[in-house]
Amino acid sequence: MANYATYPEVYRRPTSSFADVIGNGKAALFTLAVSAASMLVLIFAYADQVNPFATPASLYVYAGAKAATLFTGAVFALAFAGAAVTTGIRRLGVRLAGMPTVLMSAWITSVVLVALFPTDPGAGVTSTSGWIHRVAAVGVLGILPIAGLFLARRIRPESARAATAVRWLSAVGCALMLGCLASRLPDMAPGWSVAQFLQQYPVDGLLQRMLFGVEIAVLAIPAGMVALARRS
């Protein structure tokens, strides 16, 4: 009777490496869905405590233990999805050396730092954790839209349609990023006439959440590519 000793190549069990797990497109799509769902719950369930139009999403950590857990989980899920997409796209044979890898690594690091170091509750920065969070938050909001523009070029040989979608979403993300920066003018340059106008219509919280959604969409497209490639 045949056994493992006789035919080891037949009976050898397949093993999953770390790259198989982290580069799984379905896992990336799942964590993106978890991140999006968590943010939607925060937006609607905690609107009385955290104004979704005028208040940064980072302040959900002060809206109670459940809100803090949801926010931190959403951010960590986003970081995992970024790592899964980067690994999965590379395993498809897409060359990511250079700016795509540098930018994605910087963005993932920024996301993790935002999750690990909460912001300060007030408008000012009074702690080391607050400084780390504020600096990392700039990376979270600003790096992925730029990385997406580079990524769109690299994935075009695999799927022109996906590349076009990533490029357009990244362009929208860049516009929202500039909007987020402009919304901070009342704090940085309160004497400017533009800043005084923006102070009357505080929408920085809304812009952040819109950009969060766009970044999820930017990652979802290559994640879908990876998931479909593993099926075929």
Protein backbone atom coordinates (compact mmCIF):
# COMPACT_ATOMS: atom_id res chain seq x y z
CA MET A 1 0.00 0.00 0.00
CA ALA A 2 1.35 3.42 -0.91
CA ASN A 3 2.42 5.56 1.98
CA TYR A 4 4.23 8.82 2.71
CA ALA A 5 7.63 7.11 2.86
CA THR A 6 7.12 5.65 -0.63
CA TYR A 7 5.71 8.71 -2.35
CA PRO A 8 6.55 11.76 -0.24
CA GLU A 9 5.84 14.16 -3.11
CA VAL A 10 2.25 12.89 -3.30
CA TYR A 11 1.48 13.02 0.39
CA ARG A 12 3.30 16.24 1.20
CA ARG A 13 0.83 18.67 2.74
CA PRO A 14 0.74 22.17 1.30
CA THR A 15 1.96 24.79 3.72
CA SER A 16 1.08 28.46 3.86
CA SER A 17 3.91 30.91 4.25
CA PHE A 18 3.60 34.31 5.85
CA ALA A 19 3.58 35.84 2.37
CA ASP A 20 0.61 33.63 1.44
CA VAL A 21 -1.36 35.00 4.38
CA ILE A 22 -0.33 38.65 4.16
CA GLY A 23 -0.59 38.66 0.36
CA ASN A 24 -4.09 37.25 0.23
CA GLY A 25 -6.44 39.42 -1.82
CA LYS A 26 -9.56 38.08 -0.11
CA ALA A 27 -8.09 38.87 3.29
CA ALA A 28 -7.31 42.38 2.10
CA LEU A 29 -10.87 42.88 0.84
CA PHE A 30 -12.27 41.52 4.11
CA THR A 31 -10.19 43.84 6.27
CA LEU A 32 -11.07 46.79 4.05
CA ALA A 33 -14.75 45.95 4.53
CA VAL A 34 -14.22 45.72 8.29
CA SER A 35 -12.45 49.08 8.31
CA ALA A 36 -15.19 50.75 6.25
CA ALA A 37 -17.99 49.23 8.35
CA SER A 38 -16.31 50.29 11.59
CA MET A 39 -15.97 53.87 10.37
CA LEU A 40 -19.61 53.97 9.28
CA VAL A 41 -20.71 52.74 12.71
CA LEU A 42 -18.60 55.46 14.33
CA ILE A 43 -20.00 58.16 12.05
CA PHE A 44 -23.65 57.35 12.72
CA ALA A 45 -23.59 55.90 16.24
CA TYR A 46 -21.38 58.59 17.78
CA ALA A 47 -22.51 61.67 15.84
CA ASP A 48 -23.70 63.34 19.07
CA GLN A 49 -20.24 63.04 20.64
CA VAL A 50 -18.01 63.50 17.59
CA ASN A 51 -19.29 65.80 14.86
CA PRO A 52 -18.52 63.94 11.59
CA PHE A 53 -18.41 67.22 9.67
CA ALA A 54 -16.17 69.35 11.85
CA THR A 55 -14.26 66.97 14.13
CA PRO A 56 -11.23 64.83 13.19
CA ALA A 57 -11.87 61.09 13.26
CA SER A 58 -8.98 60.63 15.69
CA LEU A 59 -11.14 62.00 18.52
CA TYR A 60 -13.30 58.87 18.49
CA VAL A 61 -10.79 57.46 20.99
CA TYR A 62 -12.31 59.85 23.56
CA ALA A 63 -15.94 58.91 22.82
CA GLY A 64 -15.86 55.84 25.06
CA ALA A 65 -14.18 52.45 25.18
CA LYS A 66 -16.30 50.93 22.39
CA ALA A 67 -15.68 53.86 20.06
CA ALA A 68 -11.95 53.77 20.80
CA THR A 69 -11.82 50.04 20.06
CA LEU A 70 -13.75 50.48 16.81
CA PHE A 71 -11.51 53.31 15.66
CA THR A 72 -8.27 51.51 16.54
CA GLY A 73 -9.51 48.32 14.89
CA ALA A 74 -10.50 50.21 11.73
CA VAL A 75 -7.05 51.77 11.49
CA PHE A 76 -5.17 48.52 12.10
CA ALA A 77 -7.38 46.78 9.51
CA LEU A 78 -6.44 49.48 7.02
CA ALA A 79 -2.74 48.93 7.72
CA PHE A 80 -3.09 45.16 7.21
CA ALA A 81 -4.94 45.72 3.95
CA GLY A 82 -2.17 47.99 2.71
CA ALA A 83 0.46 45.38 3.50
CA ALA A 84 -1.64 42.61 1.91
CA VAL A 85 -2.18 44.60 -1.27
CA THR A 86 1.51 45.48 -1.58
CA THR A 87 2.60 41.88 -1.04
CA GLY A 88 -0.11 40.43 -3.26
CA ILE A 89 0.56 42.78 -6.17
CA ARG A 90 4.28 42.00 -5.98
CA ARG A 91 3.52 38.26 -6.07
CA LEU A 92 1.54 38.80 -9.28
CA GLY A 93 4.81 39.86 -10.89
CA VAL A 94 4.18 43.60 -10.77
CA ARG A 95 7.42 45.48 -10.20
CA LEU A 96 7.01 47.76 -7.19
CA ALA A 97 10.66 48.68 -6.61
CA GLY A 98 11.29 52.36 -6.18
CA MET A 99 8.66 54.94 -5.28
CA PRO A 100 5.66 52.58 -4.94
CA THR A 101 7.42 50.49 -2.29
CA VAL A 102 8.85 53.53 -0.49
CA LEU A 103 5.51 55.34 -0.41
CA MET A 104 3.44 52.29 0.57
CA SER A 105 5.90 51.42 3.35
CA ALA A 106 5.77 54.99 4.64
CA TRP A 107 1.98 55.01 4.49
CA ILE A 108 1.58 51.68 6.31
CA THR A 109 4.01 52.86 9.00
CA SER A 110 2.02 56.08 9.39
CA VAL A 111 -1.25 54.16 9.75
CA VAL A 112 0.22 51.93 12.46
CA LEU A 113 1.58 54.94 14.34
CA VAL A 114 -1.83 56.65 14.23
CA ALA A 115 -3.36 53.53 15.79
CA LEU A 116 -0.68 53.15 18.46
CA PHE A 117 -0.38 56.79 19.53
CA PRO A 118 -3.67 58.60 20.24
CA THR A 119 -4.03 62.30 19.60
CA ASP A 120 -4.53 64.87 22.34
CA PRO A 121 -8.17 65.69 23.14
CA GLY A 122 -7.89 69.44 22.55
CA ALA A 123 -6.96 71.50 19.54
CA GLY A 124 -3.38 71.89 20.75
CA VAL A 125 -0.65 69.26 21.02
CA THR A 126 0.46 68.68 24.61
CA SER A 127 2.10 65.23 24.59
CA THR A 128 4.64 63.15 22.71
CA SER A 129 1.85 60.79 21.69
CA GLY A 130 -0.07 63.74 20.28
CA TRP A 131 2.90 64.91 18.22
CA ILE A 132 3.54 61.44 16.83
CA HIS A 133 -0.14 61.08 15.98
CA ARG A 134 -0.39 64.45 14.24
CA VAL A 135 2.72 63.89 12.14
CA ALA A 136 1.68 60.33 11.25
CA ALA A 137 -1.84 61.51 10.39
CA VAL A 138 -0.37 63.79 7.71
CA GLY A 139 1.25 60.69 6.21
CA VAL A 140 -1.99 58.70 6.38
CA LEU A 141 -3.92 61.42 4.58
CA GLY A 142 -1.25 62.46 2.11
CA ILE A 143 0.90 59.53 1.07
CA LEU A 144 -1.54 56.93 -0.30
CA PRO A 145 -3.11 59.18 -2.98
CA ILE A 146 0.39 59.88 -4.31
CA ALA A 147 1.39 56.22 -4.03
CA GLY A 148 -1.73 55.31 -5.97
CA LEU A 149 -0.59 57.38 -8.93
CA PHE A 150 2.68 55.43 -9.06
CA LEU A 151 0.88 52.13 -8.47
CA ALA A 152 -1.51 52.79 -11.37
CA ARG A 153 1.44 52.88 -13.78
CA ARG A 154 2.83 49.59 -12.52
CA ILE A 155 -0.42 47.61 -12.68
CA ARG A 156 -1.42 48.84 -16.16
CA PRO A 157 0.16 45.82 -17.93
CA GLU A 158 -1.96 43.53 -15.72
CA SER A 159 -5.22 45.48 -16.06
CA ALA A 160 -5.65 48.78 -17.87
CA ARG A 161 -9.14 49.20 -16.40
CA ALA A 162 -7.92 48.75 -12.84
CA ALA A 163 -5.02 51.13 -13.49
CA THR A 164 -7.39 53.81 -14.78
CA ALA A 165 -9.68 53.44 -11.76
CA VAL A 166 -6.76 53.64 -9.32
CA ARG A 167 -5.39 56.70 -11.10
CA TRP A 168 -8.70 58.57 -10.99
CA LEU A 169 -9.38 57.65 -7.37
CA SER A 170 -5.86 58.74 -6.44
CA ALA A 171 -6.43 62.06 -8.19
CA VAL A 172 -9.63 62.54 -6.17
CA GLY A 173 -7.65 61.62 -3.06
CA CYS A 174 -5.02 64.24 -3.87
CA ALA A 175 -7.75 66.88 -4.20
CA LEU A 176 -9.26 65.86 -0.86
CA MET A 177 -5.80 65.90 0.69
CA LEU A 178 -5.35 69.52 -0.40
CA GLY A 179 -8.79 70.25 1.00
CA CYS A 180 -7.76 68.75 4.35
CA LEU A 181 -4.67 70.94 4.41
CA ALA A 182 -6.71 74.03 3.52
CA SER A 183 -9.19 73.24 6.29
CA ARG A 184 -6.35 73.60 8.83
CA LEU A 185 -5.63 77.20 7.78
CA PRO A 186 -7.81 78.68 10.57
CA ASP A 187 -5.42 77.06 13.07
CA MET A 188 -2.18 77.76 11.17
CA ALA A 189 -2.87 81.24 9.75
CA PRO A 190 -6.00 82.66 11.42
CA GLY A 191 -5.31 86.15 10.05
CA TRP A 192 -5.72 85.14 6.41
CA SER A 193 -9.00 86.06 4.76
CA VAL A 194 -9.31 82.55 3.31
CA ALA A 195 -8.79 81.10 6.78
CA GLN A 196 -11.51 83.35 8.20
CA PHE A 197 -13.88 82.16 5.48
CA LEU A 198 -13.08 78.51 6.15
CA GLN A 199 -13.58 79.03 9.87
CA GLN A 200 -17.23 79.78 9.18
CA TYR A 201 -17.63 76.41 7.46
CA PRO A 202 -15.63 73.78 9.38
CA VAL A 203 -15.64 70.69 7.19
CA ASP A 204 -12.24 69.19 7.96
CA GLY A 205 -13.87 66.17 9.62
CA LEU A 206 -16.00 65.51 6.55
CA LEU A 207 -13.00 65.82 4.22
CA GLN A 208 -11.01 63.37 6.35
CA ARG A 209 -13.77 60.79 6.28
CA MET A 210 -14.25 61.19 2.54
CA LEU A 211 -10.52 60.71 2.02
CA PHE A 212 -10.63 57.64 4.27
CA GLY A 213 -13.29 56.17 1.97
CA VAL A 214 -11.31 57.00 -1.16
CA GLU A 215 -8.20 55.34 0.27
CA ILE A 216 -10.21 52.19 0.97
CA ALA A 217 -11.38 52.22 -2.66
CA VAL A 218 -7.80 52.75 -3.93
CA LEU A 219 -6.69 49.64 -2.04
CA ALA A 220 -9.79 47.60 -2.90
CA ILE A 221 -9.09 47.63 -6.65
CA PRO A 222 -5.65 45.97 -6.54
CA ALA A 223 -6.91 43.72 -3.72
CA GLY A 224 -9.61 42.52 -6.11
CA MET A 225 -6.98 41.91 -8.78
CA VAL A 226 -5.01 39.73 -6.37
CA ALA A 227 -8.13 37.83 -5.26
CA LEU A 228 -9.19 37.11 -8.85
CA ALA A 229 -5.68 36.03 -9.83
CA ARG A 230 -5.58 33.47 -7.01
CA ARG A 231 -8.90 32.03 -8.18
CA SER A 232 -7.80 31.53 -11.77
